[in-house]
Structure formats: C-alpha cells, structure tokens
Amino acid sequence: QVQLGESGGGLVQAGGSLRLSCAASGSIFSINTMGWYRQAPGKQRELVAVVTSDRSTNYADSVKGRFTLSRDNAKNAVYLQMNSLRPEDTAVYYCNAILKEWPWGPLQNSWGQGTQVTVYS
C-alpha cells in the first residue's frame, strides 16, 4: 500500500515563503505525475502544480512565477517552494501521485492527508 507523507505547512506572513515536501513510500513500481493540489474553505480542490516523470511541470496561473515545484525521482519525492505568499494562498495543500504498484497493474490516484498553509496580512 502506498502512502504519501507531507510536511512543511504552517503560518506565515504575506510576502513570506514556505516549502512543502512530499515523499511516497510503499510498494511503488513507477510514478507518472506527482504534485500538489489545494482546497480553501468553501471551495473545490484545485491544482497548484504537478510534474511528470520527465520533469515537465504544470502550474496554476495564480501561482506562476511565485511557486516552484521540483521532483527527486530517486526519493519518490516532490518539493513545492512557495514564495511571495498571499492571503489567498491559504488552504489545505494535498500531495497527489498517479502511480503503479506493479508493472502490469492499473494507474492509481493517491492522496496525502493534507497540510495546512495559512497566510496572514
């Protein structure tokens, strides 16, 4: 069974920075995409940034130029560097991975438990 372990959330003043980390553990054959989504109170979960196995990244327009997603394939991990944070970035951030546990198995969509990011002005 695959688990996604997250860390790095917290409370920060507007304009500050945080770095989120996520590592996948368990029975993993391959990871296609890995990244972060977020959900603010009363809103739907939305994509923040994802990276493919060949390190192609996709960012939400609202975070382009401020957030940087990187991936360490050897560690099955991703890191989200968040700079110039704004109050509207406040949300629970969820790590996500689309992966296979074995070569001929189905693609699985796995989620972390979430980490709170709160930005105050």
C-alpha atoms as a PDB file:
ATOM      1  CA  GLN A   1       0.000   0.000   0.000  1.00  0.00           C
ATOM      2  CA  VAL A   2       1.303   3.424  -0.967  1.00  0.00           C
ATOM      3  CA  GLN A   3       1.471   6.326   1.443  1.00  0.00           C
ATOM      4  CA  LEU A   4       2.245   9.976   0.757  1.00  0.00           C
ATOM      5  CA  GLY A   5       3.956  11.741   3.639  1.00  0.00           C
ATOM      6  CA  GLU A   6       3.691  15.532   3.675  1.00  0.00           C
ATOM      7  CA  SER A   7       5.476  18.197   5.680  1.00  0.00           C
ATOM      8  CA  GLY A   8       6.199  21.907   5.650  1.00  0.00           C
ATOM      9  CA  GLY A   9       2.902  23.667   6.132  1.00  0.00           C
ATOM     10  CA  GLY A  10       2.440  26.428   8.656  1.00  0.00           C
ATOM     11  CA  LEU A  11       1.610  30.044   9.407  1.00  0.00           C
ATOM     12  CA  VAL A  12       3.400  32.795   7.511  1.00  0.00           C
ATOM     13  CA  GLN A  13       3.010  36.495   6.915  1.00  0.00           C
ATOM     14  CA  ALA A  14       2.096  37.726   3.450  1.00  0.00           C
ATOM     15  CA  GLY A  15       5.201  38.022   1.299  1.00  0.00           C
ATOM     16  CA  GLY A  16       6.902  35.195   3.126  1.00  0.00           C
ATOM     17  CA  SER A  17       7.912  31.725   1.990  1.00  0.00           C
ATOM     18  CA  LEU A  18       7.229  28.098   2.814  1.00  0.00           C
ATOM     19  CA  ARG A  19       8.494  24.834   1.401  1.00  0.00           C
ATOM     20  CA  LEU A  20       6.277  21.772   1.227  1.00  0.00           C
ATOM     21  CA  SER A  21       7.707  18.283   0.919  1.00  0.00           C
ATOM     22  CA  CYS A  22       6.017  15.052  -0.068  1.00  0.00           C
ATOM     23  CA  ALA A  23       7.513  11.580  -0.275  1.00  0.00           C
ATOM     24  CA  ALA A  24       5.813   8.436  -1.491  1.00  0.00           C
ATOM     25  CA  SER A  25       6.535   5.169   0.268  1.00  0.00           C
ATOM     26  CA  GLY A  26       5.384   1.577   0.000  1.00  0.00           C
ATOM     27  CA  SER A  27       5.076  -0.692  -2.995  1.00  0.00           C
ATOM     28  CA  ILE A  28       5.870   1.586  -5.950  1.00  0.00           C
ATOM     29  CA  PHE A  29       6.827   0.496  -9.443  1.00  0.00           C
ATOM     30  CA  SER A  30       6.585   3.877 -11.152  1.00  0.00           C
ATOM     31  CA  ILE A  31       5.171   7.339 -10.616  1.00  0.00           C
ATOM     32  CA  ASN A  32       3.722   9.146 -13.623  1.00  0.00           C
ATOM     33  CA  THR A  33       2.838  12.521 -12.172  1.00  0.00           C
ATOM     34  CA  MET A  34       3.271  13.953  -8.717  1.00  0.00           C
ATOM     35  CA  GLY A  35       2.343  17.301  -7.295  1.00  0.00           C
ATOM     36  CA  TRP A  36       0.143  19.451  -5.134  1.00  0.00           C
ATOM     37  CA  TYR A  37      -3.474  20.483  -5.012  1.00  0.00           C
ATOM     38  CA  ARG A  38      -5.150  22.786  -2.512  1.00  0.00           C
ATOM     39  CA  GLN A  39      -8.567  23.348  -1.049  1.00  0.00           C
ATOM     40  CA  ALA A  40      -9.670  26.537   0.644  1.00  0.00           C
ATOM     41  CA  PRO A  41     -12.738  26.641   2.902  1.00  0.00           C
ATOM     42  CA  GLY A  42     -15.918  26.557   0.863  1.00  0.00           C
ATOM     43  CA  LYS A  43     -14.067  25.976  -2.384  1.00  0.00           C
ATOM     44  CA  GLN A  44     -13.310  22.999  -4.586  1.00  0.00           C
ATOM     45  CA  ARG A  45      -9.928  21.340  -4.602  1.00  0.00           C
ATOM     46  CA  GLU A  46      -7.742  22.843  -7.305  1.00  0.00           C
ATOM     47  CA  LEU A  47      -4.441  22.062  -8.958  1.00  0.00           C
ATOM     48  CA  VAL A  48      -1.436  24.010  -7.735  1.00  0.00           C
ATOM     49  CA  ALA A  49       1.412  22.328  -9.592  1.00  0.00           C
ATOM     50  CA  VAL A  50       2.244  18.892 -10.955  1.00  0.00           C
ATOM     51  CA  VAL A  51       5.364  17.392 -12.500  1.00  0.00           C
ATOM     52  CA  THR A  52       5.679  14.381 -14.794  1.00  0.00           C
ATOM     53  CA  SER A  53       8.332  11.692 -14.678  1.00  0.00           C
ATOM     54  CA  ASP A  54      10.355  13.602 -17.284  1.00  0.00           C
ATOM     55  CA  ARG A  55      10.148  16.745 -15.112  1.00  0.00           C
ATOM     56  CA  SER A  56       7.642  18.615 -17.247  1.00  0.00           C
ATOM     57  CA  THR A  57       5.713  20.911 -14.913  1.00  0.00           C
ATOM     58  CA  ASN A  58       2.283  22.482 -14.994  1.00  0.00           C
ATOM     59  CA  TYR A  59       1.300  25.368 -12.713  1.00  0.00           C
ATOM     60  CA  ALA A  60      -1.945  27.076 -11.893  1.00  0.00           C
ATOM     61  CA  ASP A  61      -1.960  30.584 -13.331  1.00  0.00           C
ATOM     62  CA  SER A  62      -2.403  32.016  -9.841  1.00  0.00           C
ATOM     63  CA  VAL A  63       0.961  30.651  -8.661  1.00  0.00           C
ATOM     64  CA  LYS A  64       3.122  31.027 -11.767  1.00  0.00           C
ATOM     65  CA  GLY A  65       6.261  32.980 -11.010  1.00  0.00           C
ATOM     66  CA  ARG A  66       5.848  32.510  -7.259  1.00  0.00           C
ATOM     67  CA  PHE A  67       5.835  28.739  -6.715  1.00  0.00           C
ATOM     68  CA  THR A  68       8.409  26.244  -7.943  1.00  0.00           C
ATOM     69  CA  LEU A  69       7.862  22.501  -7.999  1.00  0.00           C
ATOM     70  CA  SER A  70      10.790  20.106  -8.139  1.00  0.00           C
ATOM     71  CA  ARG A  71      10.994  16.325  -8.166  1.00  0.00           C
ATOM     72  CA  ASP A  72      13.506  13.794  -6.903  1.00  0.00           C
ATOM     73  CA  ASN A  73      12.767  10.549  -8.735  1.00  0.00           C
ATOM     74  CA  ALA A  74      15.281   8.579  -6.658  1.00  0.00           C
ATOM     75  CA  LYS A  75      13.396   9.501  -3.486  1.00  0.00           C
ATOM     76  CA  ASN A  76       9.891   9.439  -4.997  1.00  0.00           C
ATOM     77  CA  ALA A  77       9.529  12.950  -3.656  1.00  0.00           C
ATOM     78  CA  VAL A  78       8.393  16.399  -4.712  1.00  0.00           C
ATOM     79  CA  TYR A  79       9.077  19.779  -3.174  1.00  0.00           C
ATOM     80  CA  LEU A  80       6.984  22.922  -3.562  1.00  0.00           C
ATOM     81  CA  GLN A  81       8.836  26.147  -2.882  1.00  0.00           C
ATOM     82  CA  MET A  82       6.261  28.872  -2.276  1.00  0.00           C
ATOM     83  CA  ASN A  83       7.466  32.464  -2.357  1.00  0.00           C
ATOM     84  CA  SER A  84       5.645  35.803  -2.183  1.00  0.00           C
ATOM     85  CA  LEU A  85       2.763  34.134  -0.405  1.00  0.00           C
ATOM     86  CA  ARG A  86      -0.603  35.867  -0.339  1.00  0.00           C
ATOM     87  CA  PRO A  87      -3.603  35.503   1.970  1.00  0.00           C
ATOM     88  CA  GLU A  88      -5.494  33.904  -0.922  1.00  0.00           C
ATOM     89  CA  ASP A  89      -2.950  31.061  -0.878  1.00  0.00           C
ATOM     90  CA  THR A  90      -4.402  29.962   2.452  1.00  0.00           C
ATOM     91  CA  ALA A  91      -5.687  26.405   2.086  1.00  0.00           C
ATOM     92  CA  VAL A  92      -5.078  22.795   2.926  1.00  0.00           C
ATOM     93  CA  TYR A  93      -2.449  21.545   0.497  1.00  0.00           C
ATOM     94  CA  TYR A  94      -2.669  17.920  -0.628  1.00  0.00           C
ATOM     95  CA  CYS A  95       0.098  15.890  -2.210  1.00  0.00           C
ATOM     96  CA  ASN A  96      -1.009  13.736  -5.134  1.00  0.00           C
ATOM     97  CA  ALA A  97       0.652  10.962  -7.093  1.00  0.00           C
ATOM     98  CA  ILE A  98      -0.534   8.929 -10.061  1.00  0.00           C
ATOM     99  CA  LEU A  99       1.412   5.700  -9.918  1.00  0.00           C
ATOM    100  CA  LYS A 100       1.646   1.967 -10.449  1.00  0.00           C
ATOM    101  CA  GLU A 101       2.393  -0.508  -7.690  1.00  0.00           C
ATOM    102  CA  TRP A 102       3.492  -3.200 -10.158  1.00  0.00           C
ATOM    103  CA  PRO A 103       4.325  -3.231 -13.898  1.00  0.00           C
ATOM    104  CA  TRP A 104       1.022  -4.627 -15.157  1.00  0.00           C
ATOM    105  CA  GLY A 105      -1.189  -3.011 -12.567  1.00  0.00           C
ATOM    106  CA  PRO A 106      -3.591  -0.123 -13.028  1.00  0.00           C
ATOM    107  CA  LEU A 107      -2.733   3.502 -12.547  1.00  0.00           C
ATOM    108  CA  GLN A 108      -3.670   4.594  -9.038  1.00  0.00           C
ATOM    109  CA  ASN A 109      -4.522   8.056  -7.825  1.00  0.00           C
ATOM    110  CA  SER A 110      -3.070   8.514  -4.329  1.00  0.00           C
ATOM    111  CA  TRP A 111      -3.519  11.432  -1.925  1.00  0.00           C
ATOM    112  CA  GLY A 112      -1.769  12.626   1.169  1.00  0.00           C
ATOM    113  CA  GLN A 113      -3.706  13.660   4.249  1.00  0.00           C
ATOM    114  CA  GLY A 114      -3.079  17.367   3.678  1.00  0.00           C
ATOM    115  CA  THR A 115      -1.077  20.105   5.357  1.00  0.00           C
ATOM    116  CA  GLN A 116      -2.438  23.497   6.344  1.00  0.00           C
ATOM    117  CA  VAL A 117      -0.920  26.665   4.914  1.00  0.00           C
ATOM    118  CA  THR A 118      -2.151  29.927   6.431  1.00  0.00           C
ATOM    119  CA  VAL A 119      -1.003  33.308   5.132  1.00  0.00           C
ATOM    120  CA  TYR A 120      -1.919  36.396   7.149  1.00  0.00           C
ATOM    121  CA  SER A 121      -1.699  40.011   6.106  1.00  0.00           C
END
